[in-house]
Protein backbone atom coordinates (compact mmCIF):
# COMPACT_ATOMS: atom_id res chain seq x y z
CA UNK A 1 0.05 0.08 -0.18
CA UNK A 2 1.32 3.74 -0.98
CA UNK A 3 2.27 6.31 1.32
CA UNK A 4 -1.01 8.52 -0.08
CA UNK A 5 -3.01 5.38 -0.10
CA UNK A 6 -2.25 4.68 3.87
CA UNK A 7 -2.82 8.40 4.76
CA UNK A 8 -6.21 8.69 2.50
CA UNK A 9 -6.91 5.04 4.66
CA UNK A 10 -5.91 6.47 7.90
CA UNK A 11 -7.90 9.98 7.59
CA UNK A 12 -11.09 7.87 6.63
CA UNK A 13 -10.63 5.69 9.71
CA UNK A 14 -10.01 8.81 11.40
CA UNK A 15 -13.07 10.71 10.30
CA UNK A 16 -15.39 7.37 10.81
CA UNK A 17 -14.35 7.94 14.24
CA UNK A 18 -14.85 11.21 15.33
CA UNK A 19 -17.76 11.37 12.92
CA UNK A 20 -20.78 10.10 15.12
CA UNK A 21 -18.81 12.06 18.30
CA UNK A 22 -19.70 15.12 16.37
CA UNK A 23 -23.25 14.62 15.36
CA UNK A 24 -23.79 13.75 18.66
CA UNK A 25 -22.44 16.52 19.93
CA UNK A 26 -24.56 18.88 18.11
CA UNK A 27 -27.81 18.72 20.01
CA UNK A 28 -28.77 17.29 23.40
CA UNK A 29 -31.93 16.49 25.20
CA UNK A 30 -32.15 17.29 28.95
CA UNK A 31 -34.99 16.82 31.35
CA UNK A 32 -36.39 18.09 34.49
CA UNK A 33 -39.32 18.83 36.57
CA UNK A 34 -41.87 21.80 36.54
CA UNK A 35 -39.65 24.20 38.84
CA UNK A 36 -40.31 27.39 38.51
CA UNK A 37 -38.27 30.05 38.34
CA UNK A 38 -35.82 27.80 37.50
CA UNK A 39 -37.32 25.86 35.22
CA UNK A 40 -41.31 26.25 33.85
CA UNK A 41 -43.26 26.54 30.72
CA UNK A 42 -44.55 29.96 29.83
CA UNK A 43 -48.08 30.98 27.97
CA UNK A 44 -47.18 29.50 24.81
CA UNK A 45 -45.90 26.34 26.28
CA UNK A 46 -42.03 27.13 25.96
CA UNK A 47 -39.60 26.03 28.55
CA UNK A 48 -37.56 28.56 29.90
CA UNK A 49 -36.36 29.84 33.66
CA UNK A 50 -33.43 30.69 35.28
CA UNK A 51 -31.59 27.21 35.32
CA UNK A 52 -32.51 26.82 31.77
CA UNK A 53 -30.83 30.23 30.45
CA UNK A 54 -27.79 29.15 32.17
CA UNK A 55 -27.32 25.38 30.91
CA UNK A 56 -28.51 26.56 27.40
CA UNK A 57 -26.64 29.72 27.28
CA UNK A 58 -23.76 27.14 27.87
CA UNK A 59 -24.33 24.48 25.90
CA UNK A 60 -24.50 27.37 23.01
CA UNK A 61 -21.25 28.76 24.07
CA UNK A 62 -19.51 25.29 23.47
CA UNK A 63 -21.33 25.30 20.19
CA UNK A 64 -24.00 22.63 21.11
CA UNK A 65 -27.88 22.97 21.04
CA UNK A 66 -29.77 21.63 24.05
CA UNK A 67 -33.76 20.76 24.23
CA UNK A 68 -35.37 20.90 27.67
CA UNK A 69 -38.22 18.85 28.56
CA UNK A 70 -40.68 18.95 31.53
CA UNK A 71 -41.68 15.51 33.31
CA UNK A 72 -42.70 14.58 36.71
CA UNK A 73 -39.64 14.37 38.40
CA UNK A 74 -39.45 10.15 38.97
CA UNK A 75 -39.81 9.79 34.73
CA UNK A 76 -37.10 12.22 34.36
CA UNK A 77 -34.76 10.52 36.62
CA UNK A 78 -35.78 7.01 34.95
CA UNK A 79 -35.15 8.47 31.50
CA UNK A 80 -31.69 9.48 32.13
CA UNK A 81 -30.96 6.28 33.82
CA UNK A 82 -31.53 4.05 30.98
CA UNK A 83 -30.34 6.67 28.68
CA UNK A 84 -33.60 7.70 26.91
CA UNK A 85 -32.55 11.21 27.53
CA UNK A 86 -28.53 12.88 28.10
CA UNK A 87 -28.83 15.05 30.91
CA UNK A 88 -31.19 16.21 34.11
CA UNK A 89 -30.88 19.60 36.34
CA UNK A 90 -31.19 21.03 38.88
CA UNK A 91 -30.55 17.59 40.75
CA UNK A 92 -29.06 17.37 44.26
CA UNK A 93 -26.16 14.70 43.92
CA UNK A 94 -25.73 11.46 46.22
CA UNK A 95 -24.40 7.94 46.08
CA UNK A 96 -27.59 6.53 44.81
CA UNK A 97 -27.53 8.80 41.81
CA UNK A 98 -24.04 8.70 41.17
CA UNK A 99 -24.08 5.38 40.49
CA UNK A 100 -26.12 6.20 37.03
CA UNK A 101 -24.99 10.19 36.44
CA UNK A 102 -22.16 11.58 36.11
CA UNK A 103 -22.56 15.00 37.94
CA UNK A 104 -21.24 18.86 37.25
CA UNK A 105 -18.49 19.31 39.47
CA UNK A 106 -19.83 22.73 39.36
CA UNK A 107 -23.03 23.95 41.43
CA UNK A 108 -24.84 25.55 39.00
CA UNK A 109 -27.85 26.76 41.25
CA UNK A 110 -27.48 27.04 45.39
CA UNK A 111 -30.71 25.69 46.61
CA UNK A 112 -30.95 28.19 49.71
CA UNK A 113 -33.93 26.92 51.97
CA UNK A 114 -35.55 29.24 54.37
CA UNK A 115 -38.23 29.08 56.70
CA UNK A 116 -41.60 31.37 56.34
CA UNK A 117 -44.23 32.39 58.94
CA UNK A 118 -47.28 34.88 59.30
CA UNK A 119 -45.70 38.25 60.12
CA UNK A 120 -47.58 38.53 63.14
CA UNK A 121 -46.85 34.60 64.60
CA UNK A 122 -43.76 35.52 66.34
CA UNK A 123 -41.98 32.77 64.86
CA UNK A 124 -38.28 32.78 65.62
CA UNK A 125 -35.51 29.99 64.14
CA UNK A 126 -32.01 30.79 65.28
CA UNK A 127 -30.88 27.66 63.29
CA UNK A 128 -31.95 25.12 66.19
CA UNK A 129 -34.39 22.83 65.06
CA UNK A 130 -34.82 21.79 68.98
CA UNK A 131 -36.78 25.23 69.01
CA UNK A 132 -38.95 24.36 66.39
CA UNK A 133 -40.65 21.34 69.02
CA UNK A 134 -44.28 21.17 69.19
CA UNK A 135 -44.80 23.99 66.09
CA UNK A 136 -46.33 22.47 62.49
CA UNK A 137 -44.36 22.91 59.93
CA UNK A 138 -46.20 22.39 56.28
CA UNK A 139 -43.66 20.43 53.84
CA UNK A 140 -44.40 19.57 50.02
CA UNK A 141 -44.56 15.78 49.57
CA UNK A 142 -41.54 14.60 47.78
CA UNK A 143 -39.61 17.10 48.46
CA UNK A 144 -35.95 17.38 49.75
CA UNK A 145 -35.29 20.62 51.96
CA UNK A 146 -31.02 19.40 52.25
CA UNK A 147 -29.23 17.89 54.67
CA UNK A 148 -29.68 19.33 57.97
CA UNK A 149 -33.41 19.35 57.75
CA UNK A 150 -33.68 15.44 56.38
CA UNK A 151 -31.45 14.27 59.20
CA UNK A 152 -34.13 15.93 61.98
CA UNK A 153 -36.90 15.01 59.78
CA UNK A 154 -38.21 12.36 62.08
CA UNK A 155 -38.39 14.35 64.93
CA UNK A 156 -40.69 17.27 63.54
CA UNK A 157 -44.45 17.77 64.03
CA UNK A 158 -45.32 17.67 60.10
CA UNK A 159 -48.28 18.83 57.69
CA UNK A 160 -47.79 17.46 54.16
CA UNK A 161 -49.60 19.45 50.96
CA UNK A 162 -48.67 18.19 47.01
CA UNK A 163 -47.44 22.11 46.47
CA UNK A 164 -45.85 24.77 48.11
CA UNK A 165 -48.91 27.45 47.87
CA UNK A 166 -51.40 24.76 49.64
CA UNK A 167 -48.80 25.16 52.71
CA UNK A 168 -49.00 29.46 51.73
CA UNK A 169 -52.64 28.73 52.35
CA UNK A 170 -52.59 26.60 54.95
CA UNK A 171 -50.65 29.12 56.84
CA UNK A 172 -52.63 32.10 56.83
CA UNK A 173 -55.46 30.28 58.24
CA UNK A 174 -53.51 28.92 60.68
CA UNK A 175 -53.31 25.51 60.37
CA UNK A 176 -49.51 25.07 60.22
CA UNK A 177 -46.85 27.63 61.95
CA UNK A 178 -44.54 27.89 59.13
CA UNK A 179 -43.08 26.31 56.03
CA UNK A 180 -39.75 25.66 54.36
CA UNK A 181 -39.11 26.86 50.82
CA UNK A 182 -36.11 27.34 48.43
CA UNK A 183 -35.67 31.13 47.91
CA UNK A 184 -36.52 30.88 44.08
CA UNK A 185 -39.70 29.19 44.35
CA UNK A 186 -41.27 30.99 47.27
CA UNK A 187 -39.97 34.51 45.73
CA UNK A 188 -41.35 33.34 42.83
CA UNK A 189 -45.15 32.92 43.98
CA UNK A 190 -45.45 35.57 46.53
CA UNK A 191 -44.85 38.14 43.42
CA UNK A 192 -47.84 36.93 41.63
CA UNK A 193 -50.98 39.03 41.60
CA UNK A 194 -52.78 36.10 42.75
CA UNK A 195 -50.81 36.02 45.91
CA UNK A 196 -50.98 39.60 46.67
CA UNK A 197 -52.41 39.10 49.83
CA UNK A 198 -50.83 36.42 51.08
CA UNK A 199 -47.25 37.84 50.38
CA UNK A 200 -48.26 40.98 52.65
CA UNK A 201 -48.67 38.26 55.52
CA UNK A 202 -46.17 36.11 54.80
CA UNK A 203 -42.21 36.37 56.47
CA UNK A 204 -39.17 34.96 55.00
CA UNK A 205 -37.32 33.98 58.36
CA UNK A 206 -33.58 35.54 58.35
CA UNK A 207 -31.38 32.44 59.10
CA UNK A 208 -31.33 30.28 56.38
CA UNK A 209 -31.62 26.54 56.95
CA UNK A 210 -29.30 24.76 54.28
CA UNK A 211 -27.25 26.06 50.88
CA UNK A 212 -27.64 22.89 49.14
CA UNK A 213 -25.63 22.61 45.65
CA UNK A 214 -27.58 21.61 42.83
CA UNK A 215 -26.50 20.41 39.59
CA UNK A 216 -26.29 19.38 36.03
CA UNK A 217 -25.69 15.45 35.55
CA UNK A 218 -25.29 13.68 32.33
CA UNK A 219 -26.60 9.86 31.88
CA UNK A 220 -23.18 7.60 32.45
CA UNK A 221 -24.68 5.42 29.61
CA UNK A 222 -23.80 7.69 26.99
CA UNK A 223 -20.34 8.09 27.66
CA UNK A 224 -20.41 12.41 27.99
CA UNK A 225 -17.76 12.99 30.77
CA UNK A 226 -15.66 14.73 28.42
CA UNK A 227 -18.53 17.48 28.17
CA UNK A 228 -19.46 17.39 31.38
CA UNK A 229 -15.62 18.76 31.82
CA UNK A 230 -16.23 21.20 28.88
CA UNK A 231 -19.64 22.35 30.72
CA UNK A 232 -17.85 22.82 34.06
CA UNK A 233 -14.98 25.25 32.86
CA UNK A 234 -17.65 27.48 30.36
CA UNK A 235 -19.87 27.57 33.15
CA UNK A 236 -16.82 29.28 35.82
CA UNK A 237 -16.04 32.04 32.54
CA UNK A 238 -19.82 32.02 32.67
CA UNK A 239 -20.31 32.88 36.21
CA UNK A 240 -16.76 34.96 36.38
CA UNK A 241 -18.32 37.08 33.41
CA UNK A 242 -21.23 38.68 35.08
CA UNK A 243 -23.79 37.09 32.98
CA UNK A 244 -24.79 34.90 36.30
CA UNK A 245 -25.69 37.64 38.49
CA UNK A 246 -27.60 39.61 35.13
CA UNK A 247 -29.45 36.27 35.43
CA UNK A 248 -30.41 36.88 39.16
CA UNK A 249 -31.27 40.26 38.41
CA UNK A 250 -33.35 39.50 35.31
CA UNK A 251 -35.82 36.65 37.34
CA UNK A 252 -35.62 39.12 40.96
CA UNK A 253 -33.51 36.29 42.33
CA UNK A 254 -30.50 38.85 43.98
CA UNK A 255 -31.80 39.77 47.00
CA UNK A 256 -30.52 35.97 49.38
CA UNK A 257 -27.63 37.39 50.82
CA UNK A 258 -26.40 33.29 51.56
CA UNK A 259 -27.11 32.80 47.70
CA UNK A 260 -24.80 36.06 46.83
CA UNK A 261 -21.77 35.08 49.74
CA UNK A 262 -21.77 31.33 48.22
CA UNK A 263 -21.43 33.00 44.69
CA UNK A 264 -18.46 35.14 46.43
CA UNK A 265 -16.87 32.19 47.59
CA UNK A 266 -16.68 30.14 44.75
CA UNK A 267 -15.81 32.33 41.63
């Protein structure tokens, strides 16, 4: 075989290896749950939100496009576990999930969790959960509020609801004394016109329950570790450029001191 023929053969072989990777790298399909203002559908059924803007922009900067679909959380997890979808966000990291997911090393959205109570209730939380003994705490079914809360969950007097707005209404009529929520969702719901009366009577207690990192994670079966690493690198650049803070302002999420402190410490 001549030199020219050998070079052509090697080039053809190399392209045969690389082209499928390039073709797959053009578009990725990610799943999540309905989680406003991080991920939700607008009136035109388009998926948008704070976390969607972050992940989509980083993928675009890497030369890729992203499709985001919203499903119930259990189904979204199963779709990435089986490789039916490429990625999922925003998600807490755990040993169980590490069996089938490659997590971003960067936390794309730190979940800052607070207690909320009525302004006239006189409830105080200083970080010590024992001070809540006897109080009725409204939680949302299947929601994790971070390791500190989950560690003492079995000791607390809980009243479960199917969604956060139900807990807000229970608080107003005195069925519960306080409820935990991530800062993003509570802020979003309390700013909605339909919740104006509720917002006027609810107080966010000043000390955060927890600040929990949440991530973008890729299906291990897809072998996207290299993309994960490139995402981390571009995400750090995205934050340092100031565009992350711009999105906080766009979605009116810039007023959490714990969130700002997290960003200052990490970036």
